[in-house]
Amino acid sequence: MVFDDDPGKAWLFHNSYWTALVEGGWPWSLIVLGVTVVFALRPFTRELSRQEIVAQAATVTTLICAWRLGEVLFTLQWALVIAVALYAHARARQTATPGGPSSAEVGAR
């Protein structure tokens, strides 16, 4: 972004939401936030495992950092938070399934 009063200086965004909005518009911003909220925060889930709560905390931290810092969304850290959230959810579903492996078998993996 270049300001008219100082044309020689270029300013960068320090907010990942604005960056996503400029780079991809509203559809891209909504997709990014939708993926993050649905897959990592799981707002419609009633029972959460301890690992899922940790993943939610990491997601909230990432979203706050994306608001206050630049280039936080679509980085390696964001991808790791989403991956941990998906893994925690899959593991919680696997151990909650009646025909699924026992907790000892899951721990041995």
PDB file of N, CA and C in Angstrom:
ATOM      1  N   MET A   1       0.850  -1.159   0.000  1.00  0.00           N
ATOM      2  CA  MET A   1       0.000   0.000   0.000  1.00  0.00           C
ATOM      3  C   MET A   1       0.900   1.227   0.000  1.00  0.00           C
ATOM      4  N   VAL A   2       0.593   2.188  -0.858  1.00  0.00           N
ATOM      5  CA  VAL A   2       1.348   3.433  -0.937  1.00  0.00           C
ATOM      6  C   VAL A   2       0.404   4.574  -0.581  1.00  0.00           C
ATOM      7  N   PHE A   3       0.864   5.447   0.303  1.00  0.00           N
ATOM      8  CA  PHE A   3       0.053   6.590   0.712  1.00  0.00           C
ATOM      9  C   PHE A   3       0.413   7.805  -0.135  1.00  0.00           C
ATOM     10  N   ASP A   4      -0.597   8.610  -0.454  1.00  0.00           N
ATOM     11  CA  ASP A   4      -0.398   9.781  -1.318  1.00  0.00           C
ATOM     12  C   ASP A   4       0.519  10.821  -0.694  1.00  0.00           C
ATOM     13  N   ASP A   5       0.485  10.996   0.610  1.00  0.00           N
ATOM     14  CA  ASP A   5       1.298  12.030   1.243  1.00  0.00           C
ATOM     15  C   ASP A   5       2.778  11.664   1.315  1.00  0.00           C
ATOM     16  N   ASP A   6       3.098  10.406   1.136  1.00  0.00           N
ATOM     17  CA  ASP A   6       4.490   9.962   1.171  1.00  0.00           C
ATOM     18  C   ASP A   6       4.678   8.876   0.110  1.00  0.00           C
ATOM     19  N   PRO A   7       4.751   9.270  -1.188  1.00  0.00           N
ATOM     20  CA  PRO A   7       4.759   8.277  -2.268  1.00  0.00           C
ATOM     21  C   PRO A   7       6.001   7.394  -2.304  1.00  0.00           C
ATOM     22  N   GLY A   8       7.046   7.766  -1.627  1.00  0.00           N
ATOM     23  CA  GLY A   8       8.255   6.958  -1.662  1.00  0.00           C
ATOM     24  C   GLY A   8       8.241   5.771  -0.711  1.00  0.00           C
ATOM     25  N   LYS A   9       7.308   5.750   0.223  1.00  0.00           N
ATOM     26  CA  LYS A   9       7.249   4.675   1.208  1.00  0.00           C
ATOM     27  C   LYS A   9       6.141   3.686   0.874  1.00  0.00           C
ATOM     28  N   ALA A  10       6.454   2.429   1.008  1.00  0.00           N
ATOM     29  CA  ALA A  10       5.456   1.373   0.836  1.00  0.00           C
ATOM     30  C   ALA A  10       5.161   0.774   2.205  1.00  0.00           C
ATOM     31  N   TRP A  11       3.905   0.605   2.501  1.00  0.00           N
ATOM     32  CA  TRP A  11       3.492   0.062   3.789  1.00  0.00           C
ATOM     33  C   TRP A  11       2.930  -1.334   3.580  1.00  0.00           C
ATOM     34  N   LEU A  12       3.263  -2.209   4.483  1.00  0.00           N
ATOM     35  CA  LEU A  12       2.752  -3.568   4.422  1.00  0.00           C
ATOM     36  C   LEU A  12       1.681  -3.746   5.491  1.00  0.00           C
ATOM     37  N   PHE A  13       0.750  -4.636   5.211  1.00  0.00           N
ATOM     38  CA  PHE A  13      -0.299  -4.908   6.184  1.00  0.00           C
ATOM     39  C   PHE A  13       0.280  -5.630   7.389  1.00  0.00           C
ATOM     40  N   HIS A  14      -0.246  -5.325   8.552  1.00  0.00           N
ATOM     41  CA  HIS A  14       0.112  -6.046   9.765  1.00  0.00           C
ATOM     42  C   HIS A  14      -1.133  -6.742  10.310  1.00  0.00           C
ATOM     43  N   ASN A  15      -1.909  -7.285   9.393  1.00  0.00           N
ATOM     44  CA  ASN A  15      -3.134  -7.963   9.743  1.00  0.00           C
ATOM     45  C   ASN A  15      -3.377  -9.012   8.662  1.00  0.00           C
ATOM     46  N   SER A  16      -3.364 -10.272   9.028  1.00  0.00           N
ATOM     47  CA  SER A  16      -3.513 -11.333   8.039  1.00  0.00           C
ATOM     48  C   SER A  16      -4.896 -11.350   7.399  1.00  0.00           C
ATOM     49  N   TYR A  17      -5.904 -10.868   8.105  1.00  0.00           N
ATOM     50  CA  TYR A  17      -7.247 -10.830   7.539  1.00  0.00           C
ATOM     51  C   TYR A  17      -7.308  -9.840   6.388  1.00  0.00           C
ATOM     52  N   TRP A  18      -6.703  -8.676   6.542  1.00  0.00           N
ATOM     53  CA  TRP A  18      -6.667  -7.701   5.449  1.00  0.00           C
ATOM     54  C   TRP A  18      -5.856  -8.240   4.277  1.00  0.00           C
ATOM     55  N   THR A  19      -4.758  -8.921   4.591  1.00  0.00           N
ATOM     56  CA  THR A  19      -3.933  -9.493   3.527  1.00  0.00           C
ATOM     57  C   THR A  19      -4.727 -10.521   2.728  1.00  0.00           C
ATOM     58  N   ALA A  20      -5.451 -11.401   3.418  1.00  0.00           N
ATOM     59  CA  ALA A  20      -6.270 -12.404   2.721  1.00  0.00           C
ATOM     60  C   ALA A  20      -7.368 -11.733   1.908  1.00  0.00           C
ATOM     61  N   LEU A  21      -7.934 -10.655   2.433  1.00  0.00           N
ATOM     62  CA  LEU A  21      -8.985  -9.927   1.721  1.00  0.00           C
ATOM     63  C   LEU A  21      -8.441  -9.278   0.454  1.00  0.00           C
ATOM     64  N   VAL A  22      -7.268  -8.684   0.528  1.00  0.00           N
ATOM     65  CA  VAL A  22      -6.672  -8.038  -0.636  1.00  0.00           C
ATOM     66  C   VAL A  22      -6.236  -9.075  -1.673  1.00  0.00           C
ATOM     67  N   GLU A  23      -5.685 -10.196  -1.206  1.00  0.00           N
ATOM     68  CA  GLU A  23      -5.170 -11.193  -2.140  1.00  0.00           C
ATOM     69  C   GLU A  23      -6.259 -12.005  -2.820  1.00  0.00           C
ATOM     70  N   GLY A  24      -7.364 -12.278  -2.119  1.00  0.00           N
ATOM     71  CA  GLY A  24      -8.380 -13.148  -2.709  1.00  0.00           C
ATOM     72  C   GLY A  24      -9.801 -12.650  -2.602  1.00  0.00           C
ATOM     73  N   GLY A  25      -9.998 -11.500  -2.017  1.00  0.00           N
ATOM     74  CA  GLY A  25     -11.345 -10.973  -1.880  1.00  0.00           C
ATOM     75  C   GLY A  25     -12.118 -11.648  -0.761  1.00  0.00           C
ATOM     76  N   TRP A  26     -13.414 -11.325  -0.700  1.00  0.00           N
ATOM     77  CA  TRP A  26     -14.264 -11.886   0.352  1.00  0.00           C
ATOM     78  C   TRP A  26     -14.393 -13.400   0.277  1.00  0.00           C
ATOM     79  N   PRO A  27     -14.526 -13.993  -0.929  1.00  0.00           N
ATOM     80  CA  PRO A  27     -14.640 -15.458  -0.953  1.00  0.00           C
ATOM     81  C   PRO A  27     -13.426 -16.157  -0.332  1.00  0.00           C
ATOM     82  N   TRP A  28     -12.239 -15.683  -0.659  1.00  0.00           N
ATOM     83  CA  TRP A  28     -11.022 -16.297  -0.119  1.00  0.00           C
ATOM     84  C   TRP A  28     -10.933 -16.115   1.393  1.00  0.00           C
ATOM     85  N   SER A  29     -11.246 -14.932   1.871  1.00  0.00           N
ATOM     86  CA  SER A  29     -11.215 -14.671   3.311  1.00  0.00           C
ATOM     87  C   SER A  29     -12.196 -15.561   4.056  1.00  0.00           C
ATOM     88  N   LEU A  30     -13.407 -15.705   3.499  1.00  0.00           N
ATOM     89  CA  LEU A  30     -14.409 -16.554   4.139  1.00  0.00           C
ATOM     90  C   LEU A  30     -14.012 -18.021   4.110  1.00  0.00           C
ATOM     91  N   ILE A  31     -13.376 -18.463   3.039  1.00  0.00           N
ATOM     92  CA  ILE A  31     -12.910 -19.857   2.977  1.00  0.00           C
ATOM     93  C   ILE A  31     -11.839 -20.098   4.029  1.00  0.00           C
ATOM     94  N   VAL A  32     -10.875 -19.186   4.126  1.00  0.00           N
ATOM     95  CA  VAL A  32      -9.787 -19.340   5.113  1.00  0.00           C
ATOM     96  C   VAL A  32     -10.345 -19.391   6.531  1.00  0.00           C
ATOM     97  N   LEU A  33     -11.203 -18.448   6.864  1.00  0.00           N
ATOM     98  CA  LEU A  33     -11.774 -18.422   8.209  1.00  0.00           C
ATOM     99  C   LEU A  33     -12.719 -19.596   8.433  1.00  0.00           C
ATOM    100  N   GLY A  34     -13.466 -19.979   7.409  1.00  0.00           N
ATOM    101  CA  GLY A  34     -14.363 -21.128   7.535  1.00  0.00           C
ATOM    102  C   GLY A  34     -13.621 -22.420   7.814  1.00  0.00           C
ATOM    103  N   VAL A  35     -12.555 -22.660   7.068  1.00  0.00           N
ATOM    104  CA  VAL A  35     -11.737 -23.861   7.299  1.00  0.00           C
ATOM    105  C   VAL A  35     -11.158 -23.842   8.708  1.00  0.00           C
ATOM    106  N   THR A  36     -10.649 -22.695   9.122  1.00  0.00           N
ATOM    107  CA  THR A  36     -10.046 -22.593  10.446  1.00  0.00           C
ATOM    108  C   THR A  36     -11.075 -22.822  11.544  1.00  0.00           C
ATOM    109  N   VAL A  37     -12.229 -22.200  11.433  1.00  0.00           N
ATOM    110  CA  VAL A  37     -13.242 -22.325  12.491  1.00  0.00           C
ATOM    111  C   VAL A  37     -13.857 -23.719  12.503  1.00  0.00           C
ATOM    112  N   VAL A  38     -14.258 -24.229  11.348  1.00  0.00           N
ATOM    113  CA  VAL A  38     -14.957 -25.519  11.312  1.00  0.00           C
ATOM    114  C   VAL A  38     -14.038 -26.674  11.674  1.00  0.00           C
ATOM    115  N   PHE A  39     -12.824 -26.695  11.125  1.00  0.00           N
ATOM    116  CA  PHE A  39     -11.949 -27.840  11.352  1.00  0.00           C
ATOM    117  C   PHE A  39     -11.113 -27.737  12.615  1.00  0.00           C
ATOM    118  N   ALA A  40     -10.827 -26.545  13.083  1.00  0.00           N
ATOM    119  CA  ALA A  40      -9.949 -26.420  14.246  1.00  0.00           C
ATOM    120  C   ALA A  40     -10.697 -26.026  15.523  1.00  0.00           C
ATOM    121  N   LEU A  41     -11.672 -25.145  15.424  1.00  0.00           N
ATOM    122  CA  LEU A  41     -12.404 -24.746  16.629  1.00  0.00           C
ATOM    123  C   LEU A  41     -13.564 -25.681  16.950  1.00  0.00           C
ATOM    124  N   ARG A  42     -14.146 -26.302  15.932  1.00  0.00           N
ATOM    125  CA  ARG A  42     -15.266 -27.231  16.094  1.00  0.00           C
ATOM    126  C   ARG A  42     -16.361 -26.651  16.983  1.00  0.00           C
ATOM    127  N   PRO A  43     -17.022 -25.579  16.516  1.00  0.00           N
ATOM    128  CA  PRO A  43     -17.997 -24.897  17.373  1.00  0.00           C
ATOM    129  C   PRO A  43     -19.255 -25.711  17.669  1.00  0.00           C
ATOM    130  N   PHE A  44     -19.559 -26.740  16.886  1.00  0.00           N
ATOM    131  CA  PHE A  44     -20.789 -27.496  17.076  1.00  0.00           C
ATOM    132  C   PHE A  44     -20.577 -28.809  17.825  1.00  0.00           C
ATOM    133  N   THR A  45     -19.378 -29.046  18.314  1.00  0.00           N
ATOM    134  CA  THR A  45     -19.075 -30.276  19.040  1.00  0.00           C
ATOM    135  C   THR A  45     -19.332 -30.066  20.521  1.00  0.00           C
ATOM    136  N   ARG A  46     -20.035 -31.010  21.134  1.00  0.00           N
ATOM    137  CA  ARG A  46     -20.362 -30.875  22.554  1.00  0.00           C
ATOM    138  C   ARG A  46     -19.271 -31.439  23.455  1.00  0.00           C
ATOM    139  N   GLU A  47     -18.747 -32.589  23.111  1.00  0.00           N
ATOM    140  CA  GLU A  47     -17.716 -33.221  23.938  1.00  0.00           C
ATOM    141  C   GLU A  47     -16.374 -33.155  23.220  1.00  0.00           C
ATOM    142  N   LEU A  48     -15.383 -32.690  23.945  1.00  0.00           N
ATOM    143  CA  LEU A  48     -14.045 -32.564  23.369  1.00  0.00           C
ATOM    144  C   LEU A  48     -13.049 -33.325  24.212  1.00  0.00           C
ATOM    145  N   SER A  49     -12.089 -33.928  23.529  1.00  0.00           N
ATOM    146  CA  SER A  49     -10.996 -34.576  24.250  1.00  0.00           C
ATOM    147  C   SER A  49      -9.993 -33.506  24.682  1.00  0.00           C
ATOM    148  N   ARG A  50      -9.070 -33.917  25.500  1.00  0.00           N
ATOM    149  CA  ARG A  50      -8.037 -32.980  25.963  1.00  0.00           C
ATOM    150  C   ARG A  50      -7.206 -32.457  24.790  1.00  0.00           C
ATOM    151  N   GLN A  51      -6.893 -33.342  23.854  1.00  0.00           N
ATOM    152  CA  GLN A  51      -6.113 -32.926  22.686  1.00  0.00           C
ATOM    153  C   GLN A  51      -6.887 -31.932  21.816  1.00  0.00           C
ATOM    154  N   GLU A  52      -8.189 -32.112  21.711  1.00  0.00           N
ATOM    155  CA  GLU A  52      -8.998 -31.181  20.931  1.00  0.00           C
ATOM    156  C   GLU A  52      -9.064 -29.810  21.604  1.00  0.00           C
ATOM    157  N   ILE A  53      -9.086 -29.791  22.927  1.00  0.00           N
ATOM    158  CA  ILE A  53      -9.074 -28.512  23.649  1.00  0.00           C
ATOM    159  C   ILE A  53      -7.744 -27.796  23.434  1.00  0.00           C
ATOM    160  N   VAL A  54      -6.651 -28.546  23.446  1.00  0.00           N
ATOM    161  CA  VAL A  54      -5.334 -27.956  23.169  1.00  0.00           C
ATOM    162  C   VAL A  54      -5.300 -27.395  21.746  1.00  0.00           C
ATOM    163  N   ALA A  55      -5.869 -28.130  20.801  1.00  0.00           N
ATOM    164  CA  ALA A  55      -5.913 -27.654  19.413  1.00  0.00           C
ATOM    165  C   ALA A  55      -6.763 -26.386  19.301  1.00  0.00           C
ATOM    166  N   GLN A  56      -7.857 -26.328  20.049  1.00  0.00           N
ATOM    167  CA  GLN A  56      -8.672 -25.115  20.048  1.00  0.00           C
ATOM    168  C   GLN A  56      -7.906 -23.929  20.614  1.00  0.00           C
ATOM    169  N   ALA A  57      -7.170 -24.150  21.680  1.00  0.00           N
ATOM    170  CA  ALA A  57      -6.376 -23.062  22.265  1.00  0.00           C
ATOM    171  C   ALA A  57      -5.329 -22.564  21.271  1.00  0.00           C
ATOM    172  N   ALA A  58      -4.680 -23.491  20.571  1.00  0.00           N
ATOM    173  CA  ALA A  58      -3.694 -23.096  19.571  1.00  0.00           C
ATOM    174  C   ALA A  58      -4.347 -22.333  18.425  1.00  0.00           C
ATOM    175  N   THR A  59      -5.564 -22.716  18.070  1.00  0.00           N
ATOM    176  CA  THR A  59      -6.284 -22.024  17.012  1.00  0.00           C
ATOM    177  C   THR A  59      -6.647 -20.608  17.426  1.00  0.00           C
ATOM    178  N   VAL A  60      -7.142 -20.447  18.637  1.00  0.00           N
ATOM    179  CA  VAL A  60      -7.482 -19.111  19.126  1.00  0.00           C
ATOM    180  C   VAL A  60      -6.231 -18.235  19.150  1.00  0.00           C
ATOM    181  N   THR A  61      -5.121 -18.797  19.605  1.00  0.00           N
ATOM    182  CA  THR A  61      -3.858 -18.050  19.620  1.00  0.00           C
ATOM    183  C   THR A  61      -3.459 -17.636  18.205  1.00  0.00           C
ATOM    184  N   THR A  62      -3.592 -18.549  17.263  1.00  0.00           N
ATOM    185  CA  THR A  62      -3.243 -18.245  15.875  1.00  0.00           C
ATOM    186  C   THR A  62      -4.144 -17.156  15.306  1.00  0.00           C
ATOM    187  N   LEU A  63      -5.437 -17.221  15.607  1.00  0.00           N
ATOM    188  CA  LEU A  63      -6.366 -16.209  15.097  1.00  0.00           C
ATOM    189  C   LEU A  63      -6.092 -14.833  15.709  1.00  0.00           C
ATOM    190  N   ILE A  64      -5.728 -14.805  16.975  1.00  0.00           N
ATOM    191  CA  ILE A  64      -5.387 -13.522  17.603  1.00  0.00           C
ATOM    192  C   ILE A  64      -4.095 -12.970  17.011  1.00  0.00           C
ATOM    193  N   CYS A  65      -3.109 -13.839  16.807  1.00  0.00           N
ATOM    194  CA  CYS A  65      -1.856 -13.390  16.186  1.00  0.00           C
ATOM    195  C   CYS A  65      -2.092 -12.915  14.756  1.00  0.00           C
ATOM    196  N   ALA A  66      -3.019 -13.547  14.037  1.00  0.00           N
ATOM    197  CA  ALA A  66      -3.334 -13.117  12.676  1.00  0.00           C
ATOM    198  C   ALA A  66      -3.970 -11.731  12.669  1.00  0.00           C
ATOM    199  N   TRP A  67      -4.670 -11.399  13.732  1.00  0.00           N
ATOM    200  CA  TRP A  67      -5.296 -10.084  13.837  1.00  0.00           C
ATOM    201  C   TRP A  67      -4.261  -9.017  14.163  1.00  0.00           C
ATOM    202  N   ARG A  68      -3.273  -9.348  14.977  1.00  0.00           N
ATOM    203  CA  ARG A  68      -2.295  -8.365  15.443  1.00  0.00           C
ATOM    204  C   ARG A  68      -1.001  -8.350  14.630  1.00  0.00           C
ATOM    205  N   LEU A  69      -0.700  -9.425  13.927  1.00  0.00           N
ATOM    206  CA  LEU A  69       0.557  -9.520  13.175  1.00  0.00           C
ATOM    207  C   LEU A  69       0.260  -9.779  11.705  1.00  0.00           C
ATOM    208  N   GLY A  70       1.237  -9.583  10.890  1.00  0.00           N
ATOM    209  CA  GLY A  70       1.081  -9.888   9.476  1.00  0.00           C
ATOM    210  C   GLY A  70       1.479 -11.316   9.173  1.00  0.00           C
ATOM    211  N   GLU A  71       1.030 -11.801   8.046  1.00  0.00           N
ATOM    212  CA  GLU A  71       1.415 -13.099   7.492  1.00  0.00           C
ATOM    213  C   GLU A  71       1.409 -14.236   8.514  1.00  0.00           C
ATOM    214  N   VAL A  72       0.278 -14.479   9.111  1.00  0.00           N
ATOM    215  CA  VAL A  72       0.135 -15.593  10.041  1.00  0.00           C
ATOM    216  C   VAL A  72      -0.736 -16.685   9.425  1.00  0.00           C
ATOM    217  N   LEU A  73      -1.776 -16.272   8.707  1.00  0.00           N
ATOM    218  CA  LEU A  73      -2.606 -17.249   8.025  1.00  0.00           C
ATOM    219  C   LEU A  73      -1.853 -17.781   6.815  1.00  0.00           C
ATOM    220  N   PHE A  74      -2.069 -19.024   6.522  1.00  0.00           N
ATOM    221  CA  PHE A  74      -1.401 -19.721   5.420  1.00  0.00           C
ATOM    222  C   PHE A  74       0.112 -19.732   5.568  1.00  0.00           C
ATOM    223  N   THR A  75       0.537 -20.036   6.765  1.00  0.00           N
ATOM    224  CA  THR A  75       1.951 -20.255   7.032  1.00  0.00           C
ATOM    225  C   THR A  75       2.096 -21.673   7.561  1.00  0.00           C
ATOM    226  N   LEU A  76       3.305 -22.076   7.804  1.00  0.00           N
ATOM    227  CA  LEU A  76       3.553 -23.415   8.332  1.00  0.00           C
ATOM    228  C   LEU A  76       2.904 -23.587   9.703  1.00  0.00           C
ATOM    229  N   GLN A  77       2.944 -22.564  10.527  1.00  0.00           N
ATOM    230  CA  GLN A  77       2.356 -22.659  11.862  1.00  0.00           C
ATOM    231  C   GLN A  77       0.840 -22.850  11.774  1.00  0.00           C
ATOM    232  N   TRP A  78       0.194 -22.125  10.894  1.00  0.00           N
ATOM    233  CA  TRP A  78      -1.248 -22.263  10.711  1.00  0.00           C
ATOM    234  C   TRP A  78      -1.570 -23.680  10.230  1.00  0.00           C
ATOM    235  N   ALA A  79      -0.791 -24.180   9.285  1.00  0.00           N
ATOM    236  CA  ALA A  79      -1.014 -25.525   8.763  1.00  0.00           C
ATOM    237  C   ALA A  79      -0.822 -26.576   9.856  1.00  0.00           C
ATOM    238  N   LEU A  80       0.162 -26.382  10.721  1.00  0.00           N
ATOM    239  CA  LEU A  80       0.381 -27.331  11.815  1.00  0.00           C
ATOM    240  C   LEU A  80      -0.771 -27.304  12.814  1.00  0.00           C
ATOM    241  N   VAL A  81      -1.311 -26.141  13.095  1.00  0.00           N
ATOM    242  CA  VAL A  81      -2.460 -26.044  14.003  1.00  0.00           C
ATOM    243  C   VAL A  81      -3.655 -26.786  13.409  1.00  0.00           C
ATOM    244  N   ILE A  82      -3.913 -26.595  12.124  1.00  0.00           N
ATOM    245  CA  ILE A  82      -5.017 -27.302  11.465  1.00  0.00           C
ATOM    246  C   ILE A  82      -4.758 -28.809  11.470  1.00  0.00           C
ATOM    247  N   ALA A  83      -3.528 -29.222  11.198  1.00  0.00           N
ATOM    248  CA  ALA A  83      -3.192 -30.650  11.183  1.00  0.00           C
ATOM    249  C   ALA A  83      -3.368 -31.274  12.561  1.00  0.00           C
ATOM    250  N   VAL A  84      -2.916 -30.601  13.598  1.00  0.00           N
ATOM    251  CA  VAL A  84      -3.071 -31.121  14.967  1.00  0.00           C
ATOM    252  C   VAL A  84      -4.549 -31.216  15.326  1.00  0.00           C
ATOM    253  N   ALA A  85      -5.334 -30.233  14.926  1.00  0.00           N
ATOM    254  CA  ALA A  85      -6.771 -30.254  15.215  1.00  0.00           C
ATOM    255  C   ALA A  85      -7.450 -31.433  14.500  1.00  0.00           C
ATOM    256  N   LEU A  86      -7.104 -31.662  13.251  1.00  0.00           N
ATOM    257  CA  LEU A  86      -7.679 -32.786  12.518  1.00  0.00           C
ATOM    258  C   LEU A  86      -7.245 -34.119  13.113  1.00  0.00           C
ATOM    259  N   TYR A  87      -5.981 -34.223  13.490  1.00  0.00           N
ATOM    260  CA  TYR A  87      -5.481 -35.456  14.115  1.00  0.00           C
ATOM    261  C   TYR A  87      -6.185 -35.716  15.445  1.00  0.00           C
ATOM    262  N   ALA A  88      -6.332 -34.689  16.267  1.00  0.00           N
ATOM    263  CA  ALA A  88      -6.984 -34.843  17.571  1.00  0.00           C
ATOM    264  C   ALA A  88      -8.438 -35.269  17.393  1.00  0.00           C
ATOM    265  N   HIS A  89      -9.103 -34.689  16.405  1.00  0.00           N
ATOM    266  CA  HIS A  89     -10.500 -35.060  16.161  1.00  0.00           C
ATOM    267  C   HIS A  89     -10.596 -36.508  15.678  1.00  0.00           C
ATOM    268  N   ALA A  90      -9.722 -36.890  14.755  1.00  0.00           N
ATOM    269  CA  ALA A  90      -9.744 -38.266  14.244  1.00  0.00           C
ATOM    270  C   ALA A  90      -9.442 -39.266  15.351  1.00  0.00           C
ATOM    271  N   ARG A  91      -8.502 -38.945  16.193  1.00  0.00           N
ATOM    272  CA  ARG A  91      -8.147 -39.851  17.283  1.00  0.00           C
ATOM    273  C   ARG A  91      -9.279 -39.957  18.308  1.00  0.00           C
ATOM    274  N   ALA A  92      -9.938 -38.844  18.595  1.00  0.00           N
ATOM    275  CA  ALA A  92     -11.065 -38.873  19.533  1.00  0.00           C
ATOM    276  C   ALA A  92     -12.219 -39.690  18.963  1.00  0.00           C
ATOM    277  N   ARG A  93     -12.474 -39.574  17.681  1.00  0.00           N
ATOM    278  CA  ARG A  93     -13.534 -40.376  17.053  1.00  0.00           C
ATOM    279  C   ARG A  93     -13.174 -41.849  17.052  1.00  0.00           C
ATOM    280  N   GLN A  94     -11.908 -42.149  16.829  1.00  0.00           N
ATOM    281  CA  GLN A  94     -11.471 -43.536  16.769  1.00  0.00           C
ATOM    282  C   GLN A  94     -11.598 -44.210  18.134  1.00  0.00           C
ATOM    283  N   THR A  95     -11.236 -43.524  19.185  1.00  0.00           N
ATOM    284  CA  THR A  95     -11.319 -44.122  20.519  1.00  0.00           C
ATOM    285  C   THR A  95     -12.758 -44.149  21.029  1.00  0.00           C
ATOM    286  N   ALA A  96     -13.632 -43.284  20.511  1.00  0.00           N
ATOM    287  CA  ALA A  96     -15.023 -43.264  20.959  1.00  0.00           C
ATOM    288  C   ALA A  96     -15.887 -44.286  20.236  1.00  0.00           C
ATOM    289  N   THR A  97     -15.419 -44.802  19.111  1.00  0.00           N
ATOM    290  CA  THR A  97     -16.180 -45.789  18.355  1.00  0.00           C
ATOM    291  C   THR A  97     -16.220 -47.101  19.130  1.00  0.00           C
ATOM    292  N   PRO A  98     -17.414 -47.697  19.309  1.00  0.00           N
ATOM    293  CA  PRO A  98     -17.504 -48.943  20.082  1.00  0.00           C
ATOM    294  C   PRO A  98     -16.674 -50.072  19.491  1.00  0.00           C
ATOM    295  N   GLY A  99     -16.596 -50.186  18.189  1.00  0.00           N
ATOM    296  CA  GLY A  99     -15.811 -51.246  17.565  1.00  0.00           C
ATOM    297  C   GLY A  99     -14.374 -50.856  17.320  1.00  0.00           C
ATOM    298  N   GLY A 100     -14.003 -49.665  17.740  1.00  0.00           N
ATOM    299  CA  GLY A 100     -12.654 -49.164  17.502  1.00  0.00           C
ATOM    300  C   GLY A 100     -11.643 -49.807  18.423  1.00  0.00           C
ATOM    301  N   PRO A 101     -10.382 -49.542  18.212  1.00  0.00           N
ATOM    302  CA  PRO A 101      -9.340 -50.134  19.046  1.00  0.00           C
ATOM    303  C   PRO A 101      -9.392 -49.591  20.473  1.00  0.00           C
ATOM    304  N   SER A 102      -8.863 -50.363  21.380  1.00  0.00           N
ATOM    305  CA  SER A 102      -8.825 -49.912  22.773  1.00  0.00           C
ATOM    306  C   SER A 102      -7.793 -48.807  22.927  1.00  0.00           C
ATOM    307  N   SER A 103      -7.834 -48.131  24.061  1.00  0.00           N
ATOM    308  CA  SER A 103      -6.886 -47.037  24.292  1.00  0.00           C
ATOM    309  C   SER A 103      -5.449 -47.540  24.351  1.00  0.00           C
ATOM    310  N   ALA A 104      -5.252 -48.781  24.794  1.00  0.00           N
ATOM    311  CA  ALA A 104      -3.908 -49.351  24.820  1.00  0.00           C
ATOM    312  C   ALA A 104      -3.377 -49.561  23.413  1.00  0.00           C
ATOM    313  N   GLU A 105      -4.281 -49.998  22.503  1.00  0.00           N
ATOM    314  CA  GLU A 105      -3.855 -50.192  21.120  1.00  0.00           C
ATOM    315  C   GLU A 105      -3.556 -48.862  20.449  1.00  0.00           C
ATOM    316  N   VAL A 106      -4.357 -47.859  20.742  1.00  0.00           N
ATOM    317  CA  VAL A 106      -4.126 -46.536  20.154  1.00  0.00           C
ATOM    318  C   VAL A 106      -2.830 -45.953  20.669  1.00  0.00           C
ATOM    319  N   GLY A 107      -2.542 -46.117  21.960  1.00  0.00           N
ATOM    320  CA  GLY A 107      -1.305 -45.606  22.528  1.00  0.00           C
ATOM    321  C   GLY A 107      -0.073 -46.295  21.985  1.00  0.00           C
ATOM    322  N   ALA A 108      -0.231 -47.538  21.546  1.00  0.00           N
ATOM    323  CA  ALA A 108       0.912 -48.295  21.026  1.00  0.00           C
ATOM    324  C   ALA A 108       1.278 -47.879  19.611  1.00  0.00           C
ATOM    325  N   ARG A 109       0.388 -47.166  18.961  1.00  0.00           N
ATOM    326  CA  ARG A 109       0.659 -46.752  17.569  1.00  0.00           C
ATOM    327  C   ARG A 109       1.625 -45.640  17.467  1.00  0.00           C
TER     328      ARG A 109
END
